PDB file of N, CA and C in Angstrom:
ATOM      1  N   MET A   1     -33.866  89.622-113.784  1.00  0.00           N
ATOM      2  CA  MET A   1     -32.499  89.134-112.901  1.00  0.00           C
ATOM      3  C   MET A   1     -33.207  88.973-111.559  1.00  0.00           C
ATOM      4  N   ILE A   2     -32.561  87.370-111.190  1.00  0.00           N
ATOM      5  CA  ILE A   2     -32.659  87.715-109.682  1.00  0.00           C
ATOM      6  C   ILE A   2     -31.484  88.036-109.391  1.00  0.00           C
ATOM      7  N   SER A   3     -32.209  88.923-107.969  1.00  0.00           N
ATOM      8  CA  SER A   3     -31.153  89.435-106.593  1.00  0.00           C
ATOM      9  C   SER A   3     -30.692  88.749-105.920  1.00  0.00           C
ATOM     10  N   ARG A   4     -29.376  88.503-105.482  1.00  0.00           N
ATOM     11  CA  ARG A   4     -29.175  87.522-104.469  1.00  0.00           C
ATOM     12  C   ARG A   4     -28.566  88.604-103.004  1.00  0.00           C
ATOM     13  N   ASN A   5     -29.427  88.002-101.861  1.00  0.00           N
ATOM     14  CA  ASN A   5     -29.455  88.514-100.896  1.00  0.00           C
ATOM     15  C   ASN A   5     -27.903  87.997 -99.901  1.00  0.00           C
ATOM     16  N   HIS A   6     -27.174  88.639-100.019  1.00  0.00           N
ATOM     17  CA  HIS A   6     -25.940  88.101 -99.045  1.00  0.00           C
ATOM     18  C   HIS A   6     -25.926  87.430 -97.589  1.00  0.00           C
ATOM     19  N   LYS A   7     -27.175  88.178 -97.026  1.00  0.00           N
ATOM     20  CA  LYS A   7     -27.253  87.250 -95.961  1.00  0.00           C
ATOM     21  C   LYS A   7     -28.283  86.165 -95.844  1.00  0.00           C
ATOM     22  N   GLU A   8     -27.923  84.809 -95.814  1.00  0.00           N
ATOM     23  CA  GLU A   8     -28.721  83.932 -96.399  1.00  0.00           C
ATOM     24  C   GLU A   8     -28.621  83.210 -95.462  1.00  0.00           C
ATOM     25  N   GLY A   9     -28.244  83.538 -93.550  1.00  0.00           N
ATOM     26  CA  GLY A   9     -28.827  82.837 -92.821  1.00  0.00           C
ATOM     27  C   GLY A   9     -27.113  81.979 -92.101  1.00  0.00           C
ATOM     28  N   GLY A  10     -26.312  82.181 -92.790  1.00  0.00           N
ATOM     29  CA  GLY A  10     -24.824  81.358 -92.272  1.00  0.00           C
ATOM     30  C   GLY A  10     -24.505  82.295 -91.186  1.00  0.00           C
ATOM     31  N   PHE A  11     -23.689  81.473 -90.866  1.00  0.00           N
ATOM     32  CA  PHE A  11     -22.112  82.236 -89.920  1.00  0.00           C
ATOM     33  C   PHE A  11     -21.167  82.777 -90.321  1.00  0.00           C
ATOM     34  N   THR A  12     -20.666  83.912 -89.884  1.00  0.00           N
ATOM     35  CA  THR A  12     -19.741  84.348 -90.269  1.00  0.00           C
ATOM     36  C   THR A  12     -18.341  84.190 -90.056  1.00  0.00           C
ATOM     37  N   LEU A  13     -17.012  84.293 -90.179  1.00  0.00           N
ATOM     38  CA  LEU A  13     -15.708  83.159 -90.189  1.00  0.00           C
ATOM     39  C   LEU A  13     -16.335  84.101 -88.646  1.00  0.00           C
ATOM     40  N   THR A  14     -15.585  85.130 -88.624  1.00  0.00           N
ATOM     41  CA  THR A  14     -16.171  86.114 -87.075  1.00  0.00           C
ATOM     42  C   THR A  14     -16.654  85.189 -85.805  1.00  0.00           C
ATOM     43  N   GLU A  15     -18.041  85.275 -86.282  1.00  0.00           N
ATOM     44  CA  GLU A  15     -18.736  84.523 -85.053  1.00  0.00           C
ATOM     45  C   GLU A  15     -18.599  82.915 -84.718  1.00  0.00           C
ATOM     46  N   LEU A  16     -18.000  82.457 -85.716  1.00  0.00           N
ATOM     47  CA  LEU A  16     -17.430  80.882 -85.506  1.00  0.00           C
ATOM     48  C   LEU A  16     -16.123  80.761 -84.564  1.00  0.00           C
ATOM     49  N   MET A  17     -15.552  81.895 -84.742  1.00  0.00           N
ATOM     50  CA  MET A  17     -14.038  81.816 -84.130  1.00  0.00           C
ATOM     51  C   MET A  17     -14.492  82.800 -82.619  1.00  0.00           C
ATOM     52  N   VAL A  18     -15.140  83.729 -82.264  1.00  0.00           N
ATOM     53  CA  VAL A  18     -15.933  83.769 -81.046  1.00  0.00           C
ATOM     54  C   VAL A  18     -16.598  82.598 -80.337  1.00  0.00           C
ATOM     55  N   THR A  19     -17.185  82.071 -81.184  1.00  0.00           N
ATOM     56  CA  THR A  19     -17.750  80.740 -80.395  1.00  0.00           C
ATOM     57  C   THR A  19     -17.033  79.640 -79.987  1.00  0.00           C
ATOM     58  N   PHE A  20     -15.932  79.312 -80.832  1.00  0.00           N
ATOM     59  CA  PHE A  20     -15.152  78.474 -80.399  1.00  0.00           C
ATOM     60  C   PHE A  20     -14.065  79.199 -79.108  1.00  0.00           C
ATOM     61  N   LEU A  21     -13.822  80.356 -79.364  1.00  0.00           N
ATOM     62  CA  LEU A  21     -12.744  81.166 -78.101  1.00  0.00           C
ATOM     63  C   LEU A  21     -13.658  80.869 -77.226  1.00  0.00           C
ATOM     64  N   ILE A  22     -14.900  80.710 -76.846  1.00  0.00           N
ATOM     65  CA  ILE A  22     -15.784  80.882 -75.794  1.00  0.00           C
ATOM     66  C   ILE A  22     -15.610  79.254 -75.559  1.00  0.00           C
ATOM     67  N   ILE A  23     -15.907  78.699 -75.764  1.00  0.00           N
ATOM     68  CA  ILE A  23     -16.021  77.265 -75.548  1.00  0.00           C
ATOM     69  C   ILE A  23     -14.683  76.439 -75.105  1.00  0.00           C
ATOM     70  N   SER A  24     -13.335  77.000 -76.097  1.00  0.00           N
ATOM     71  CA  SER A  24     -11.998  76.897 -75.170  1.00  0.00           C
ATOM     72  C   SER A  24     -12.266  77.277 -73.506  1.00  0.00           C
ATOM     73  N   ILE A  25     -12.209  78.154 -73.809  1.00  0.00           N
ATOM     74  CA  ILE A  25     -12.139  78.768 -72.408  1.00  0.00           C
ATOM     75  C   ILE A  25     -12.544  78.501 -71.287  1.00  0.00           C
ATOM     76  N   LEU A  26     -13.995  78.074 -71.565  1.00  0.00           N
ATOM     77  CA  LEU A  26     -14.727  76.961 -70.707  1.00  0.00           C
ATOM     78  C   LEU A  26     -14.310  75.845 -70.661  1.00  0.00           C
ATOM     79  N   VAL A  27     -13.959  74.721 -71.622  1.00  0.00           N
ATOM     80  CA  VAL A  27     -13.438  73.665 -71.531  1.00  0.00           C
ATOM     81  C   VAL A  27     -11.949  73.960 -70.819  1.00  0.00           C
ATOM     82  N   ALA A  28     -11.317  74.983 -70.811  1.00  0.00           N
ATOM     83  CA  ALA A  28      -9.774  75.209 -70.059  1.00  0.00           C
ATOM     84  C   ALA A  28     -10.389  75.149 -68.630  1.00  0.00           C
ATOM     85  N   ILE A  29     -11.316  76.067 -67.905  1.00  0.00           N
ATOM     86  CA  ILE A  29     -11.744  76.153 -66.731  1.00  0.00           C
ATOM     87  C   ILE A  29     -12.102  74.799 -65.942  1.00  0.00           C
ATOM     88  N   ALA A  30     -12.707  73.695 -67.246  1.00  0.00           N
ATOM     89  CA  ALA A  30     -13.574  73.164 -66.489  1.00  0.00           C
ATOM     90  C   ALA A  30     -11.722  71.842 -65.866  1.00  0.00           C
ATOM     91  N   VAL A  31     -11.145  72.086 -67.270  1.00  0.00           N
ATOM     92  CA  VAL A  31      -9.839  70.892 -66.986  1.00  0.00           C
ATOM     93  C   VAL A  31      -9.388  71.220 -65.341  1.00  0.00           C
ATOM     94  N   ALA A  32      -9.039  72.573 -65.696  1.00  0.00           N
ATOM     95  CA  ALA A  32      -8.185  72.960 -64.232  1.00  0.00           C
ATOM     96  C   ALA A  32      -9.032  72.604 -63.389  1.00  0.00           C
ATOM     97  N   SER A  33     -10.011  73.043 -63.304  1.00  0.00           N
ATOM     98  CA  SER A  33     -11.215  72.621 -61.451  1.00  0.00           C
ATOM     99  C   SER A  33     -11.264  71.141 -61.519  1.00  0.00           C
ATOM    100  N   TYR A  34     -11.465  70.045 -62.686  1.00  0.00           N
ATOM    101  CA  TYR A  34     -11.331  68.777 -62.499  1.00  0.00           C
ATOM    102  C   TYR A  34      -9.761  68.445 -61.844  1.00  0.00           C
ATOM    103  N   SER A  35      -8.537  68.892 -62.447  1.00  0.00           N
ATOM    104  CA  SER A  35      -7.714  68.238 -62.069  1.00  0.00           C
ATOM    105  C   SER A  35      -7.200  68.345 -60.388  1.00  0.00           C
ATOM    106  N   TYR A  36      -7.800  69.897 -60.323  1.00  0.00           N
ATOM    107  CA  TYR A  36      -7.718  70.484 -58.607  1.00  0.00           C
ATOM    108  C   TYR A  36      -8.861  69.495 -58.030  1.00  0.00           C
ATOM    109  N   SER A  37     -10.102  69.364 -58.467  1.00  0.00           N
ATOM    110  CA  SER A  37     -11.019  68.293 -57.236  1.00  0.00           C
ATOM    111  C   SER A  37      -9.902  66.966 -57.250  1.00  0.00           C
ATOM    112  N   ILE A  38      -9.422  66.726 -58.247  1.00  0.00           N
ATOM    113  CA  ILE A  38      -8.660  65.173 -58.087  1.00  0.00           C
ATOM    114  C   ILE A  38      -7.540  65.148 -57.007  1.00  0.00           C
ATOM    115  N   LYS A  39      -6.535  66.339 -57.067  1.00  0.00           N
ATOM    116  CA  LYS A  39      -5.988  66.322 -56.252  1.00  0.00           C
ATOM    117  C   LYS A  39      -6.872  66.542 -54.898  1.00  0.00           C
ATOM    118  N   LYS A  40      -7.431  67.085 -54.775  1.00  0.00           N
ATOM    119  CA  LYS A  40      -8.053  67.689 -53.422  1.00  0.00           C
ATOM    120  C   LYS A  40      -8.802  66.499 -52.652  1.00  0.00           C
ATOM    121  N   SER A  41      -9.277  65.591 -53.791  1.00  0.00           N
ATOM    122  CA  SER A  41      -9.915  64.179 -53.362  1.00  0.00           C
ATOM    123  C   SER A  41      -8.685  63.015 -52.659  1.00  0.00           C
ATOM    124  N   GLN A  42      -7.703  63.590 -53.768  1.00  0.00           N
ATOM    125  CA  GLN A  42      -6.533  62.189 -53.323  1.00  0.00           C
ATOM    126  C   GLN A  42      -5.821  63.228 -51.903  1.00  0.00           C
ATOM    127  N   SER A  43      -5.956  64.203 -51.980  1.00  0.00           N
ATOM    128  CA  SER A  43      -5.585  64.526 -50.377  1.00  0.00           C
ATOM    129  C   SER A  43      -6.285  64.288 -49.343  1.00  0.00           C
ATOM    130  N   THR A  44      -7.177  64.509 -49.688  1.00  0.00           N
ATOM    131  CA  THR A  44      -7.849  64.409 -48.203  1.00  0.00           C
ATOM    132  C   THR A  44      -8.533  62.510 -48.223  1.00  0.00           C
ATOM    133  N   GLY A  45      -8.256  61.471 -49.036  1.00  0.00           N
ATOM    134  CA  GLY A  45      -8.428  60.280 -48.891  1.00  0.00           C
ATOM    135  C   GLY A  45      -7.224  59.848 -48.318  1.00  0.00           C
ATOM    136  N   CYS A  46      -5.785  60.643 -48.772  1.00  0.00           N
ATOM    137  CA  CYS A  46      -4.388  60.133 -47.815  1.00  0.00           C
ATOM    138  C   CYS A  46      -4.921  60.612 -46.280  1.00  0.00           C
ATOM    139  N   GLN A  47      -5.019  61.751 -46.075  1.00  0.00           N
ATOM    140  CA  GLN A  47      -5.564  61.844 -44.828  1.00  0.00           C
ATOM    141  C   GLN A  47      -6.362  61.447 -43.975  1.00  0.00           C
ATOM    142  N   ALA A  48      -7.208  60.411 -44.805  1.00  0.00           N
ATOM    143  CA  ALA A  48      -8.019  59.659 -44.101  1.00  0.00           C
ATOM    144  C   ALA A  48      -7.588  58.669 -43.379  1.00  0.00           C
ATOM    145  N   ASN A  49      -7.056  57.867 -44.349  1.00  0.00           N
ATOM    146  CA  ASN A  49      -6.044  56.745 -44.302  1.00  0.00           C
ATOM    147  C   ASN A  49      -5.246  57.044 -43.391  1.00  0.00           C
ATOM    148  N   LEU A  50      -4.048  57.870 -43.308  1.00  0.00           N
ATOM    149  CA  LEU A  50      -3.931  58.134 -42.244  1.00  0.00           C
ATOM    150  C   LEU A  50      -3.714  58.534 -41.282  1.00  0.00           C
ATOM    151  N   ARG A  51      -5.146  58.655 -40.542  1.00  0.00           N
ATOM    152  CA  ARG A  51      -5.959  59.072 -39.962  1.00  0.00           C
ATOM    153  C   ARG A  51      -6.317  57.615 -38.852  1.00  0.00           C
ATOM    154  N   ASN A  52      -6.543  56.922 -40.207  1.00  0.00           N
ATOM    155  CA  ASN A  52      -7.096  55.235 -39.263  1.00  0.00           C
ATOM    156  C   ASN A  52      -5.958  54.312 -39.421  1.00  0.00           C
ATOM    157  N   ILE A  53      -5.047  54.833 -39.995  1.00  0.00           N
ATOM    158  CA  ILE A  53      -3.451  53.636 -39.688  1.00  0.00           C
ATOM    159  C   ILE A  53      -3.265  54.054 -38.092  1.00  0.00           C
ATOM    160  N   ARG A  54      -2.869  55.671 -37.873  1.00  0.00           N
ATOM    161  CA  ARG A  54      -2.737  55.585 -36.842  1.00  0.00           C
ATOM    162  C   ARG A  54      -3.646  55.116 -35.338  1.00  0.00           C
ATOM    163  N   GLN A  55      -4.849  55.588 -36.038  1.00  0.00           N
ATOM    164  CA  GLN A  55      -5.138  54.910 -34.945  1.00  0.00           C
ATOM    165  C   GLN A  55      -5.615  53.553 -34.625  1.00  0.00           C
ATOM    166  N   ALA A  56      -5.279  52.600 -36.095  1.00  0.00           N
ATOM    167  CA  ALA A  56      -5.321  50.766 -35.537  1.00  0.00           C
ATOM    168  C   ALA A  56      -3.403  50.843 -35.144  1.00  0.00           C
ATOM    169  N   VAL A  57      -2.351  52.102 -35.156  1.00  0.00           N
ATOM    170  CA  VAL A  57      -1.640  51.061 -34.581  1.00  0.00           C
ATOM    171  C   VAL A  57      -1.568  51.478 -32.916  1.00  0.00           C
ATOM    172  N   GLU A  58      -2.243  52.739 -32.546  1.00  0.00           N
ATOM    173  CA  GLU A  58      -2.478  52.905 -30.865  1.00  0.00           C
ATOM    174  C   GLU A  58      -3.392  51.664 -30.737  1.00  0.00           C
ATOM    175  N   ARG A  59      -4.577  51.068 -31.174  1.00  0.00           N
ATOM    176  CA  ARG A  59      -5.476  50.253 -30.788  1.00  0.00           C
ATOM    177  C   ARG A  59      -4.357  48.764 -30.734  1.00  0.00           C
ATOM    178  N   TYR A  60      -3.633  48.737 -31.426  1.00  0.00           N
ATOM    179  CA  TYR A  60      -2.340  47.447 -31.773  1.00  0.00           C
ATOM    180  C   TYR A  60      -1.602  47.554 -30.454  1.00  0.00           C
ATOM    181  N   SER A  61      -1.096  49.010 -30.024  1.00  0.00           N
ATOM    182  CA  SER A  61      -0.329  49.046 -28.824  1.00  0.00           C
ATOM    183  C   SER A  61      -0.803  48.786 -27.656  1.00  0.00           C
ATOM    184  N   MET A  62      -2.091  49.490 -27.635  1.00  0.00           N
ATOM    185  CA  MET A  62      -2.759  49.235 -25.855  1.00  0.00           C
ATOM    186  C   MET A  62      -3.238  47.735 -26.027  1.00  0.00           C
ATOM    187  N   GLU A  63      -3.748  47.192 -27.237  1.00  0.00           N
ATOM    188  CA  GLU A  63      -3.566  45.461 -26.714  1.00  0.00           C
ATOM    189  C   GLU A  63      -2.324  44.491 -26.857  1.00  0.00           C
ATOM    190  N   HIS A  64      -1.058  44.830 -26.853  1.00  0.00           N
ATOM    191  CA  HIS A  64      -0.069  44.181 -27.054  1.00  0.00           C
ATOM    192  C   HIS A  64       0.568  44.910 -26.094  1.00  0.00           C
ATOM    193  N   ASP A  65       0.895  45.516 -24.670  1.00  0.00           N
ATOM    194  CA  ASP A  65       1.853  45.622 -23.871  1.00  0.00           C
ATOM    195  C   ASP A  65       2.468  46.959 -24.192  1.00  0.00           C
ATOM    196  N   GLU A  66       1.606  47.897 -24.896  1.00  0.00           N
ATOM    197  CA  GLU A  66       2.435  48.811 -25.134  1.00  0.00           C
ATOM    198  C   GLU A  66       3.758  49.146 -26.966  1.00  0.00           C
ATOM    199  N   ARG A  67       3.384  47.798 -27.246  1.00  0.00           N
ATOM    200  CA  ARG A  67       4.592  47.623 -28.091  1.00  0.00           C
ATOM    201  C   ARG A  67       3.944  48.140 -29.597  1.00  0.00           C
ATOM    202  N   PRO A  68       4.404  48.959 -30.276  1.00  0.00           N
ATOM    203  CA  PRO A  68       3.539  49.342 -31.824  1.00  0.00           C
ATOM    204  C   PRO A  68       4.037  48.220 -32.598  1.00  0.00           C
ATOM    205  N   PRO A  69       3.514  48.060 -34.089  1.00  0.00           N
ATOM    206  CA  PRO A  69       3.638  46.621 -34.921  1.00  0.00           C
ATOM    207  C   PRO A  69       5.008  46.733 -35.660  1.00  0.00           C
ATOM    208  N   SER A  70       5.383  45.608 -35.842  1.00  0.00           N
ATOM    209  CA  SER A  70       6.585  45.628 -36.616  1.00  0.00           C
ATOM    210  C   SER A  70       6.275  46.225 -37.925  1.00  0.00           C
ATOM    211  N   SER A  71       5.282  46.264 -38.343  1.00  0.00           N
ATOM    212  CA  SER A  71       5.048  46.696 -39.781  1.00  0.00           C
ATOM    213  C   SER A  71       3.532  46.842 -39.999  1.00  0.00           C
ATOM    214  N   LEU A  72       2.880  47.113 -41.146  1.00  0.00           N
ATOM    215  CA  LEU A  72       2.015  48.167 -41.507  1.00  0.00           C
ATOM    216  C   LEU A  72       0.783  46.837 -41.700  1.00  0.00           C
ATOM    217  N   ASP A  73       2.172  45.727 -42.309  1.00  0.00           N
ATOM    218  CA  ASP A  73       1.463  44.698 -42.525  1.00  0.00           C
ATOM    219  C   ASP A  73       0.497  43.628 -41.485  1.00  0.00           C
ATOM    220  N   GLU A  74       0.839  44.179 -39.757  1.00  0.00           N
ATOM    221  CA  GLU A  74       0.513  43.455 -39.079  1.00  0.00           C
ATOM    222  C   GLU A  74      -1.165  44.312 -38.391  1.00  0.00           C
ATOM    223  N   LEU A  75      -1.088  45.077 -39.036  1.00  0.00           N
ATOM    224  CA  LEU A  75      -2.770  45.412 -38.770  1.00  0.00           C
ATOM    225  C   LEU A  75      -3.692  45.078 -39.664  1.00  0.00           C
ATOM    226  N   VAL A  76      -3.420  44.088 -40.823  1.00  0.00           N
ATOM    227  CA  VAL A  76      -4.658  43.837 -41.504  1.00  0.00           C
ATOM    228  C   VAL A  76      -4.611  42.292 -41.227  1.00  0.00           C
ATOM    229  N   PRO A  77      -5.975  41.885 -41.251  1.00  0.00           N
ATOM    230  CA  PRO A  77      -7.208  42.643 -41.294  1.00  0.00           C
ATOM    231  C   PRO A  77      -7.928  42.912 -39.493  1.00  0.00           C
ATOM    232  N   ASP A  78      -7.180  42.727 -38.834  1.00  0.00           N
ATOM    233  CA  ASP A  78      -7.537  43.133 -37.318  1.00  0.00           C
ATOM    234  C   ASP A  78      -8.200  44.572 -37.378  1.00  0.00           C
ATOM    235  N   TYR A  79      -7.251  45.439 -37.883  1.00  0.00           N
ATOM    236  CA  TYR A  79      -7.317  46.678 -37.150  1.00  0.00           C
ATOM    237  C   TYR A  79      -8.037  47.281 -38.739  1.00  0.00           C
ATOM    238  N   ILE A  80      -7.308  46.831 -39.626  1.00  0.00           N
ATOM    239  CA  ILE A  80      -7.400  47.510 -41.460  1.00  0.00           C
ATOM    240  C   ILE A  80      -8.215  46.584 -41.794  1.00  0.00           C
ATOM    241  N   ILE A  81      -9.530  47.215 -42.491  1.00  0.00           N
ATOM    242  CA  ILE A  81      -9.950  46.018 -43.385  1.00  0.00           C
ATOM    243  C   ILE A  81      -9.424  45.328 -44.801  1.00  0.00           C
ATOM    244  N   GLY A  82      -8.577  46.014 -45.418  1.00  0.00           N
ATOM    245  CA  GLY A  82      -7.967  45.874 -46.409  1.00  0.00           C
ATOM    246  C   GLY A  82      -6.542  46.526 -47.007  1.00  0.00           C
ATOM    247  N   PRO A  83      -5.331  45.943 -47.796  1.00  0.00           N
ATOM    248  CA  PRO A  83      -4.468  46.415 -47.606  1.00  0.00           C
ATOM    249  C   PRO A  83      -4.251  47.313 -48.567  1.00  0.00           C
ATOM    250  N   LYS A  84      -5.664  47.567 -49.187  1.00  0.00           N
ATOM    251  CA  LYS A  84      -5.276  49.307 -49.876  1.00  0.00           C
ATOM    252  C   LYS A  84      -5.640  50.187 -48.767  1.00  0.00           C
ATOM    253  N   SER A  85      -5.246  50.135 -48.063  1.00  0.00           N
ATOM    254  CA  SER A  85      -5.474  51.372 -47.362  1.00  0.00           C
ATOM    255  C   SER A  85      -4.649  51.482 -46.575  1.00  0.00           C
ATOM    256  N   LEU A  86      -3.633  50.957 -46.987  1.00  0.00           N
ATOM    257  CA  LEU A  86      -1.617  51.330 -46.675  1.00  0.00           C
ATOM    258  C   LEU A  86      -0.954  51.968 -47.641  1.00  0.00           C
ATOM    259  N   ARG A  87      -1.959  52.256 -49.079  1.00  0.00           N
ATOM    260  CA  ARG A  87      -1.212  53.071 -49.822  1.00  0.00           C
ATOM    261  C   ARG A  87      -1.596  54.561 -49.931  1.00  0.00           C
ATOM    262  N   CYS A  88      -1.049  55.358 -50.745  1.00  0.00           N
ATOM    263  CA  CYS A  88      -1.415  56.682 -50.933  1.00  0.00           C
ATOM    264  C   CYS A  88      -2.684  57.020 -52.137  1.00  0.00           C
ATOM    265  N   PRO A  89      -3.731  57.182 -51.800  1.00  0.00           N
ATOM    266  CA  PRO A  89      -4.431  57.275 -53.402  1.00  0.00           C
ATOM    267  C   PRO A  89      -4.004  57.762 -54.386  1.00  0.00           C
ATOM    268  N   ALA A  90      -2.844  59.353 -54.104  1.00  0.00           N
ATOM    269  CA  ALA A  90      -2.190  59.652 -55.390  1.00  0.00           C
ATOM    270  C   ALA A  90      -1.354  59.301 -56.008  1.00  0.00           C
ATOM    271  N   GLY A  91      -0.795  58.284 -55.381  1.00  0.00           N
ATOM    272  CA  GLY A  91       0.191  57.554 -56.490  1.00  0.00           C
ATOM    273  C   GLY A  91       0.225  56.004 -55.967  1.00  0.00           C
ATOM    274  N   LEU A  92      -0.316  55.708 -55.232  1.00  0.00           N
ATOM    275  CA  LEU A  92      -0.700  54.296 -54.881  1.00  0.00           C
ATOM    276  C   LEU A  92       0.625  53.562 -54.207  1.00  0.00           C
ATOM    277  N   LYS A  93       2.047  55.052 -53.599  1.00  0.00           N
ATOM    278  CA  LYS A  93       3.044  53.895 -52.971  1.00  0.00           C
ATOM    279  C   LYS A  93       2.586  53.774 -51.475  1.00  0.00           C
ATOM    280  N   PRO A  94       3.185  53.403 -51.226  1.00  0.00           N
ATOM    281  CA  PRO A  94       2.884  52.361 -49.482  1.00  0.00           C
ATOM    282  C   PRO A  94       3.802  53.830 -48.543  1.00  0.00           C
ATOM    283  N   TYR A  95       2.519  53.881 -47.347  1.00  0.00           N
ATOM    284  CA  TYR A  95       3.583  54.772 -46.469  1.00  0.00           C
ATOM    285  C   TYR A  95       3.958  54.488 -45.774  1.00  0.00           C
ATOM    286  N   SER A  96       5.305  55.501 -45.333  1.00  0.00           N
ATOM    287  CA  SER A  96       6.487  55.088 -44.322  1.00  0.00           C
ATOM    288  C   SER A  96       5.746  55.239 -43.142  1.00  0.00           C
ATOM    289  N   TYR A  97       6.249  53.318 -42.634  1.00  0.00           N
ATOM    290  CA  TYR A  97       6.636  54.094 -41.123  1.00  0.00           C
ATOM    291  C   TYR A  97       7.898  53.351 -40.583  1.00  0.00           C
ATOM    292  N   ASP A  98       8.097  54.013 -39.374  1.00  0.00           N
ATOM    293  CA  ASP A  98       8.723  53.726 -38.232  1.00  0.00           C
ATOM    294  C   ASP A  98       8.286  53.039 -36.876  1.00  0.00           C
ATOM    295  N   PRO A  99       8.744  51.660 -36.877  1.00  0.00           N
ATOM    296  CA  PRO A  99       8.233  50.777 -35.820  1.00  0.00           C
ATOM    297  C   PRO A  99       9.038  51.247 -34.396  1.00  0.00           C
ATOM    298  N   ALA A 100      10.137  51.721 -34.709  1.00  0.00           N
ATOM    299  CA  ALA A 100      10.531  52.896 -33.075  1.00  0.00           C
ATOM    300  C   ALA A 100       9.702  53.625 -32.580  1.00  0.00           C
ATOM    301  N   THR A 101       9.271  54.607 -33.442  1.00  0.00           N
ATOM    302  CA  THR A 101       8.106  55.832 -33.048  1.00  0.00           C
ATOM    303  C   THR A 101       6.805  55.203 -32.817  1.00  0.00           C
ATOM    304  N   GLY A 102       6.795  54.505 -34.045  1.00  0.00           N
ATOM    305  CA  GLY A 102       5.195  54.167 -34.474  1.00  0.00           C
ATOM    306  C   GLY A 102       5.090  55.632 -35.362  1.00  0.00           C
ATOM    307  N   GLY A 103       5.891  56.194 -35.852  1.00  0.00           N
ATOM    308  CA  GLY A 103       5.482  57.435 -36.654  1.00  0.00           C
ATOM    309  C   GLY A 103       4.855  56.982 -38.307  1.00  0.00           C
ATOM    310  N   ILE A 104       4.100  57.557 -38.802  1.00  0.00           N
ATOM    311  CA  ILE A 104       3.220  57.257 -40.103  1.00  0.00           C
ATOM    312  C   ILE A 104       3.370  58.444 -41.502  1.00  0.00           C
ATOM    313  N   ASN A 105       4.016  58.374 -42.316  1.00  0.00           N
ATOM    314  CA  ASN A 105       4.344  59.282 -42.917  1.00  0.00           C
ATOM    315  C   ASN A 105       3.829  58.340 -44.902  1.00  0.00           C
ATOM    316  N   CYS A 106       3.682  59.878 -45.345  1.00  0.00           N
ATOM    317  CA  CYS A 106       3.413  60.019 -46.572  1.00  0.00           C
ATOM    318  C   CYS A 106       3.686  60.330 -47.471  1.00  0.00           C
ATOM    319  N   GLN A 107       4.632  60.155 -48.766  1.00  0.00           N
ATOM    320  CA  GLN A 107       5.750  60.505 -49.396  1.00  0.00           C
ATOM    321  C   GLN A 107       5.404  61.519 -50.293  1.00  0.00           C
ATOM    322  N   ASN A 108       3.761  61.470 -50.725  1.00  0.00           N
ATOM    323  CA  ASN A 108       3.194  62.003 -51.059  1.00  0.00           C
ATOM    324  C   ASN A 108       2.530  63.294 -50.887  1.00  0.00           C
ATOM    325  N   HIS A 109       2.059  63.261 -49.776  1.00  0.00           N
ATOM    326  CA  HIS A 109       1.768  64.762 -48.990  1.00  0.00           C
ATOM    327  C   HIS A 109       2.524  64.377 -47.425  1.00  0.00           C
ATOM    328  N   PRO A 110       4.035  65.328 -47.614  1.00  0.00           N
ATOM    329  CA  PRO A 110       4.580  65.098 -46.468  1.00  0.00           C
ATOM    330  C   PRO A 110       3.674  65.824 -44.897  1.00  0.00           C
ATOM    331  N   GLU A 111       3.171  67.287 -45.981  1.00  0.00           N
ATOM    332  CA  GLU A 111       2.361  68.278 -45.017  1.00  0.00           C
ATOM    333  C   GLU A 111       1.036  67.154 -43.729  1.00  0.00           C
ATOM    334  N   LEU A 112       0.775  66.028 -44.083  1.00  0.00           N
ATOM    335  CA  LEU A 112       0.315  65.656 -43.756  1.00  0.00           C
ATOM    336  C   LEU A 112       0.910  64.699 -42.130  1.00  0.00           C
TER     337      LEU A 112
END
């Protein structure tokens, strides 16, 4: 009679479940990290856009007898390369601009 060895080299259900659990935890960490990185990069891009627009408004004002532009569209293409810079990378909403004060704000990032 042939005796069978119960350890034929396969994985047990417990080993497979532990492996699946570890992989699931690593994926959850990677997704959370990716999401944070995307939000951080959008915030950094918005901050850079706002800094460039504020500098462009200041240069425009210096060249036009201290009069700020009536809209941000007046800055394109002489002071800002393209209209894409006039929108927040987080939601592609246009920046709000107050011509009376020259103030520029982002709806997505009010802290900037």
